[in-house]
Amino acid sequence: MIKAALLAAAAALLAFAAFQLREKHQEAEAAVQNIHDQLDALDPATRAAVVARLTSDEVKKVRGDRS
């Protein structure tokens, strides 16, 4: 009886965790789509400048983490 209750609780926890993960994934996908839409609305030169800046910032972060 205790094993069944523990298994049921574990299954409920796993289902809840899966639901939370799916929700976070959907939020991330929406954010990515929003960013893509905003970038697509820019003229090509401005878009290139934004992407270059973001890329440069991320490279600096990575290099800083390795030091």
PDB file of N, CA and C in Angstrom:
ATOM      1  N   MET A   1       0.819  -1.181   0.000  1.00  0.00           N
ATOM      2  CA  MET A   1       0.000   0.000   0.000  1.00  0.00           C
ATOM      3  C   MET A   1       0.875   1.262   0.000  1.00  0.00           C
ATOM      4  N   ILE A   2       1.931   1.273   0.815  1.00  0.00           N
ATOM      5  CA  ILE A   2       2.821   2.428   0.884  1.00  0.00           C
ATOM      6  C   ILE A   2       3.572   2.603  -0.440  1.00  0.00           C
ATOM      7  N   LYS A   3       4.002   1.483  -1.029  1.00  0.00           N
ATOM      8  CA  LYS A   3       4.704   1.547  -2.311  1.00  0.00           C
ATOM      9  C   LYS A   3       3.811   2.160  -3.381  1.00  0.00           C
ATOM     10  N   ALA A   4       2.556   1.772  -3.393  1.00  0.00           N
ATOM     11  CA  ALA A   4       1.626   2.308  -4.387  1.00  0.00           C
ATOM     12  C   ALA A   4       1.438   3.811  -4.194  1.00  0.00           C
ATOM     13  N   ALA A   5       1.341   4.250  -2.950  1.00  0.00           N
ATOM     14  CA  ALA A   5       1.170   5.675  -2.670  1.00  0.00           C
ATOM     15  C   ALA A   5       2.429   6.443  -3.083  1.00  0.00           C
ATOM     16  N   LEU A   6       3.599   5.882  -2.802  1.00  0.00           N
ATOM     17  CA  LEU A   6       4.843   6.531  -3.198  1.00  0.00           C
ATOM     18  C   LEU A   6       4.982   6.612  -4.713  1.00  0.00           C
ATOM     19  N   LEU A   7       4.612   5.529  -5.379  1.00  0.00           N
ATOM     20  CA  LEU A   7       4.664   5.530  -6.841  1.00  0.00           C
ATOM     21  C   LEU A   7       3.691   6.550  -7.423  1.00  0.00           C
ATOM     22  N   ALA A   8       2.508   6.644  -6.849  1.00  0.00           N
ATOM     23  CA  ALA A   8       1.522   7.616  -7.315  1.00  0.00           C
ATOM     24  C   ALA A   8       2.028   9.040  -7.090  1.00  0.00           C
ATOM     25  N   ALA A   9       2.632   9.283  -5.938  1.00  0.00           N
ATOM     26  CA  ALA A   9       3.179  10.608  -5.652  1.00  0.00           C
ATOM     27  C   ALA A   9       4.323  10.946  -6.609  1.00  0.00           C
ATOM     28  N   ALA A  10       5.180   9.976  -6.874  1.00  0.00           N
ATOM     29  CA  ALA A  10       6.290  10.190  -7.804  1.00  0.00           C
ATOM     30  C   ALA A  10       5.766  10.467  -9.207  1.00  0.00           C
ATOM     31  N   ALA A  11       4.745   9.739  -9.614  1.00  0.00           N
ATOM     32  CA  ALA A  11       4.161   9.957 -10.934  1.00  0.00           C
ATOM     33  C   ALA A  11       3.532  11.341 -11.026  1.00  0.00           C
ATOM     34  N   ALA A  12       2.860  11.767  -9.965  1.00  0.00           N
ATOM     35  CA  ALA A  12       2.248  13.099  -9.948  1.00  0.00           C
ATOM     36  C   ALA A  12       3.322  14.177 -10.014  1.00  0.00           C
ATOM     37  N   LEU A  13       4.407  13.998  -9.287  1.00  0.00           N
ATOM     38  CA  LEU A  13       5.516  14.954  -9.316  1.00  0.00           C
ATOM     39  C   LEU A  13       6.150  15.024 -10.702  1.00  0.00           C
ATOM     40  N   LEU A  14       6.328  13.877 -11.305  1.00  0.00           N
ATOM     41  CA  LEU A  14       6.909  13.819 -12.643  1.00  0.00           C
ATOM     42  C   LEU A  14       5.995  14.505 -13.657  1.00  0.00           C
ATOM     43  N   ALA A  15       4.702  14.275 -13.566  1.00  0.00           N
ATOM     44  CA  ALA A  15       3.749  14.919 -14.469  1.00  0.00           C
ATOM     45  C   ALA A  15       3.772  16.430 -14.279  1.00  0.00           C
ATOM     46  N   PHE A  16       3.837  16.884 -13.028  1.00  0.00           N
ATOM     47  CA  PHE A  16       3.897  18.314 -12.751  1.00  0.00           C
ATOM     48  C   PHE A  16       5.176  18.920 -13.316  1.00  0.00           C
ATOM     49  N   ALA A  17       6.299  18.245 -13.125  1.00  0.00           N
ATOM     50  CA  ALA A  17       7.577  18.736 -13.643  1.00  0.00           C
ATOM     51  C   ALA A  17       7.550  18.808 -15.167  1.00  0.00           C
ATOM     52  N   ALA A  18       6.964  17.816 -15.806  1.00  0.00           N
ATOM     53  CA  ALA A  18       6.865  17.814 -17.264  1.00  0.00           C
ATOM     54  C   ALA A  18       5.996  18.977 -17.738  1.00  0.00           C
ATOM     55  N   PHE A  19       4.915  19.239 -17.029  1.00  0.00           N
ATOM     56  CA  PHE A  19       4.038  20.354 -17.372  1.00  0.00           C
ATOM     57  C   PHE A  19       4.781  21.672 -17.253  1.00  0.00           C
ATOM     58  N   GLN A  20       5.531  21.849 -16.160  1.00  0.00           N
ATOM     59  CA  GLN A  20       6.300  23.078 -15.952  1.00  0.00           C
ATOM     60  C   GLN A  20       7.354  23.258 -17.039  1.00  0.00           C
ATOM     61  N   LEU A  21       8.026  22.183 -17.381  1.00  0.00           N
ATOM     62  CA  LEU A  21       9.055  22.245 -18.410  1.00  0.00           C
ATOM     63  C   LEU A  21       8.452  22.614 -19.761  1.00  0.00           C
ATOM     64  N   ARG A  22       7.326  22.034 -20.091  1.00  0.00           N
ATOM     65  CA  ARG A  22       6.654  22.339 -21.352  1.00  0.00           C
ATOM     66  C   ARG A  22       6.217  23.807 -21.383  1.00  0.00           C
ATOM     67  N   GLU A  23       5.725  24.298 -20.256  1.00  0.00           N
ATOM     68  CA  GLU A  23       5.298  25.694 -20.167  1.00  0.00           C
ATOM     69  C   GLU A  23       6.486  26.638 -20.366  1.00  0.00           C
ATOM     70  N   LYS A  24       7.605  26.336 -19.722  1.00  0.00           N
ATOM     71  CA  LYS A  24       8.809  27.166 -19.876  1.00  0.00           C
ATOM     72  C   LYS A  24       9.318  27.121 -21.318  1.00  0.00           C
ATOM     73  N   HIS A  25       9.249  25.955 -21.925  1.00  0.00           N
ATOM     74  CA  HIS A  25       9.680  25.806 -23.321  1.00  0.00           C
ATOM     75  C   HIS A  25       8.810  26.664 -24.236  1.00  0.00           C
ATOM     76  N   GLN A  26       7.514  26.670 -24.008  1.00  0.00           N
ATOM     77  CA  GLN A  26       6.602  27.480 -24.816  1.00  0.00           C
ATOM     78  C   GLN A  26       6.885  28.971 -24.625  1.00  0.00           C
ATOM     79  N   GLU A  27       7.181  29.386 -23.398  1.00  0.00           N
ATOM     80  CA  GLU A  27       7.525  30.781 -23.127  1.00  0.00           C
ATOM     81  C   GLU A  27       8.811  31.156 -23.869  1.00  0.00           C
ATOM     82  N   ALA A  28       9.786  30.267 -23.843  1.00  0.00           N
ATOM     83  CA  ALA A  28      11.051  30.527 -24.523  1.00  0.00           C
ATOM     84  C   ALA A  28      10.840  30.620 -26.031  1.00  0.00           C
ATOM     85  N   GLU A  29      10.034  29.726 -26.582  1.00  0.00           N
ATOM     86  CA  GLU A  29       9.750  29.761 -28.019  1.00  0.00           C
ATOM     87  C   GLU A  29       9.072  31.069 -28.412  1.00  0.00           C
ATOM     88  N   ALA A  30       8.143  31.539 -27.584  1.00  0.00           N
ATOM     89  CA  ALA A  30       7.457  32.804 -27.861  1.00  0.00           C
ATOM     90  C   ALA A  30       8.437  33.968 -27.807  1.00  0.00           C
ATOM     91  N   ALA A  31       9.348  33.948 -26.845  1.00  0.00           N
ATOM     92  CA  ALA A  31      10.353  35.010 -26.738  1.00  0.00           C
ATOM     93  C   ALA A  31      11.277  35.009 -27.948  1.00  0.00           C
ATOM     94  N   VAL A  32      11.690  33.831 -28.373  1.00  0.00           N
ATOM     95  CA  VAL A  32      12.561  33.720 -29.549  1.00  0.00           C
ATOM     96  C   VAL A  32      11.839  34.244 -30.783  1.00  0.00           C
ATOM     97  N   GLN A  33      10.586  33.879 -30.946  1.00  0.00           N
ATOM     98  CA  GLN A  33       9.819  34.350 -32.100  1.00  0.00           C
ATOM     99  C   GLN A  33       9.673  35.867 -32.074  1.00  0.00           C
ATOM    100  N   ASN A  34       9.440  36.411 -30.885  1.00  0.00           N
ATOM    101  CA  ASN A  34       9.323  37.862 -30.743  1.00  0.00           C
ATOM    102  C   ASN A  34      10.620  38.556 -31.160  1.00  0.00           C
ATOM    103  N   ILE A  35      11.743  38.017 -30.711  1.00  0.00           N
ATOM    104  CA  ILE A  35      13.046  38.587 -31.066  1.00  0.00           C
ATOM    105  C   ILE A  35      13.272  38.508 -32.578  1.00  0.00           C
ATOM    106  N   HIS A  36      12.957  37.370 -33.164  1.00  0.00           N
ATOM    107  CA  HIS A  36      13.109  37.217 -34.615  1.00  0.00           C
ATOM    108  C   HIS A  36      12.230  38.212 -35.360  1.00  0.00           C
ATOM    109  N   ASP A  37      11.004  38.388 -34.906  1.00  0.00           N
ATOM    110  CA  ASP A  37      10.095  39.344 -35.547  1.00  0.00           C
ATOM    111  C   ASP A  37      10.647  40.762 -35.466  1.00  0.00           C
ATOM    112  N   GLN A  38      11.192  41.110 -34.304  1.00  0.00           N
ATOM    113  CA  GLN A  38      11.759  42.454 -34.146  1.00  0.00           C
ATOM    114  C   GLN A  38      12.983  42.645 -35.034  1.00  0.00           C
ATOM    115  N   LEU A  39      13.831  41.620 -35.117  1.00  0.00           N
ATOM    116  CA  LEU A  39      14.998  41.713 -35.993  1.00  0.00           C
ATOM    117  C   LEU A  39      14.586  41.809 -37.456  1.00  0.00           C
ATOM    118  N   ASP A  40      13.579  41.035 -37.843  1.00  0.00           N
ATOM    119  CA  ASP A  40      13.112  41.054 -39.226  1.00  0.00           C
ATOM    120  C   ASP A  40      12.528  42.411 -39.613  1.00  0.00           C
ATOM    121  N   ALA A  41      12.030  43.154 -38.633  1.00  0.00           N
ATOM    122  CA  ALA A  41      11.438  44.463 -38.914  1.00  0.00           C
ATOM    123  C   ALA A  41      12.499  45.537 -39.152  1.00  0.00           C
ATOM    124  N   LEU A  42      13.742  45.257 -38.803  1.00  0.00           N
ATOM    125  CA  LEU A  42      14.815  46.238 -38.975  1.00  0.00           C
ATOM    126  C   LEU A  42      15.325  46.241 -40.413  1.00  0.00           C
ATOM    127  N   ASP A  43      15.897  47.368 -40.812  1.00  0.00           N
ATOM    128  CA  ASP A  43      16.536  47.393 -42.129  1.00  0.00           C
ATOM    129  C   ASP A  43      17.814  46.547 -42.035  1.00  0.00           C
ATOM    130  N   PRO A  44      18.300  46.060 -43.184  1.00  0.00           N
ATOM    131  CA  PRO A  44      19.441  45.126 -43.158  1.00  0.00           C
ATOM    132  C   PRO A  44      20.683  45.643 -42.440  1.00  0.00           C
ATOM    133  N   ALA A  45      21.006  46.919 -42.605  1.00  0.00           N
ATOM    134  CA  ALA A  45      22.219  47.448 -41.963  1.00  0.00           C
ATOM    135  C   ALA A  45      22.060  47.482 -40.443  1.00  0.00           C
ATOM    136  N   THR A  46      20.907  47.921 -39.985  1.00  0.00           N
ATOM    137  CA  THR A  46      20.668  47.970 -38.538  1.00  0.00           C
ATOM    138  C   THR A  46      20.623  46.564 -37.961  1.00  0.00           C
ATOM    139  N   ARG A  47      19.979  45.652 -38.672  1.00  0.00           N
ATOM    140  CA  ARG A  47      19.908  44.254 -38.221  1.00  0.00           C
ATOM    141  C   ARG A  47      21.319  43.682 -38.085  1.00  0.00           C
ATOM    142  N   ALA A  48      22.170  43.926 -39.071  1.00  0.00           N
ATOM    143  CA  ALA A  48      23.547  43.416 -39.017  1.00  0.00           C
ATOM    144  C   ALA A  48      24.296  44.004 -37.827  1.00  0.00           C
ATOM    145  N   ALA A  49      24.079  45.292 -37.566  1.00  0.00           N
ATOM    146  CA  ALA A  49      24.740  45.929 -36.425  1.00  0.00           C
ATOM    147  C   ALA A  49      24.265  45.332 -35.109  1.00  0.00           C
ATOM    148  N   VAL A  50      22.981  45.087 -34.993  1.00  0.00           N
ATOM    149  CA  VAL A  50      22.433  44.504 -33.759  1.00  0.00           C
ATOM    150  C   VAL A  50      22.990  43.097 -33.550  1.00  0.00           C
ATOM    151  N   VAL A  51      22.978  42.299 -34.600  1.00  0.00           N
ATOM    152  CA  VAL A  51      23.483  40.923 -34.486  1.00  0.00           C
ATOM    153  C   VAL A  51      24.973  40.931 -34.151  1.00  0.00           C
ATOM    154  N   ALA A  52      25.729  41.828 -34.777  1.00  0.00           N
ATOM    155  CA  ALA A  52      27.166  41.916 -34.486  1.00  0.00           C
ATOM    156  C   ALA A  52      27.399  42.302 -33.031  1.00  0.00           C
ATOM    157  N   ARG A  53      26.623  43.234 -32.539  1.00  0.00           N
ATOM    158  CA  ARG A  53      26.773  43.675 -31.142  1.00  0.00           C
ATOM    159  C   ARG A  53      26.437  42.543 -30.176  1.00  0.00           C
ATOM    160  N   LEU A  54      25.323  41.862 -30.433  1.00  0.00           N
ATOM    161  CA  LEU A  54      24.938  40.752 -29.561  1.00  0.00           C
ATOM    162  C   LEU A  54      25.990  39.647 -29.579  1.00  0.00           C
ATOM    163  N   THR A  55      26.496  39.361 -30.766  1.00  0.00           N
ATOM    164  CA  THR A  55      27.517  38.322 -30.902  1.00  0.00           C
ATOM    165  C   THR A  55      28.775  38.720 -30.145  1.00  0.00           C
ATOM    166  N   SER A  56      29.196  39.959 -30.312  1.00  0.00           N
ATOM    167  CA  SER A  56      30.392  40.449 -29.626  1.00  0.00           C
ATOM    168  C   SER A  56      30.222  40.373 -28.111  1.00  0.00           C
ATOM    169  N   ASP A  57      29.053  40.780 -27.634  1.00  0.00           N
ATOM    170  CA  ASP A  57      28.798  40.728 -26.191  1.00  0.00           C
ATOM    171  C   ASP A  57      28.870  39.302 -25.662  1.00  0.00           C
ATOM    172  N   GLU A  58      28.321  38.368 -26.398  1.00  0.00           N
ATOM    173  CA  GLU A  58      28.333  36.968 -25.954  1.00  0.00           C
ATOM    174  C   GLU A  58      29.740  36.384 -25.995  1.00  0.00           C
ATOM    175  N   VAL A  59      30.519  36.742 -27.000  1.00  0.00           N
ATOM    176  CA  VAL A  59      31.905  36.265 -27.077  1.00  0.00           C
ATOM    177  C   VAL A  59      32.690  36.777 -25.873  1.00  0.00           C
ATOM    178  N   LYS A  60      32.468  38.045 -25.522  1.00  0.00           N
ATOM    179  CA  LYS A  60      33.153  38.610 -24.356  1.00  0.00           C
ATOM    180  C   LYS A  60      32.760  37.871 -23.078  1.00  0.00           C
ATOM    181  N   LYS A  61      31.497  37.510 -22.963  1.00  0.00           N
ATOM    182  CA  LYS A  61      31.043  36.764 -21.780  1.00  0.00           C
ATOM    183  C   LYS A  61      31.723  35.407 -21.707  1.00  0.00           C
ATOM    184  N   VAL A  62      31.798  34.724 -22.835  1.00  0.00           N
ATOM    185  CA  VAL A  62      32.409  33.385 -22.863  1.00  0.00           C
ATOM    186  C   VAL A  62      33.890  33.482 -22.538  1.00  0.00           C
ATOM    187  N   ARG A  63      34.564  34.419 -23.119  1.00  0.00           N
ATOM    188  CA  ARG A  63      35.998  34.568 -22.858  1.00  0.00           C
ATOM    189  C   ARG A  63      36.255  34.973 -21.422  1.00  0.00           C
ATOM    190  N   GLY A  64      35.355  35.765 -20.865  1.00  0.00           N
ATOM    191  CA  GLY A  64      35.489  36.165 -19.468  1.00  0.00           C
ATOM    192  C   GLY A  64      35.293  35.012 -18.514  1.00  0.00           C
ATOM    193  N   ASP A  65      34.413  34.064 -18.880  1.00  0.00           N
ATOM    194  CA  ASP A  65      34.157  32.905 -18.020  1.00  0.00           C
ATOM    195  C   ASP A  65      35.326  31.941 -18.017  1.00  0.00           C
ATOM    196  N   ARG A  66      36.100  31.929 -19.070  1.00  0.00           N
ATOM    197  CA  ARG A  66      37.228  30.994 -19.155  1.00  0.00           C
ATOM    198  C   ARG A  66      38.462  31.513 -18.441  1.00  0.00           C
ATOM    199  N   SER A  67      38.521  32.803 -18.204  1.00  0.00           N
ATOM    200  CA  SER A  67      39.718  33.390 -17.582  1.00  0.00           C
ATOM    201  C   SER A  67      39.788  33.080 -16.112  1.00  0.00           C
TER     202      SER A  67
END
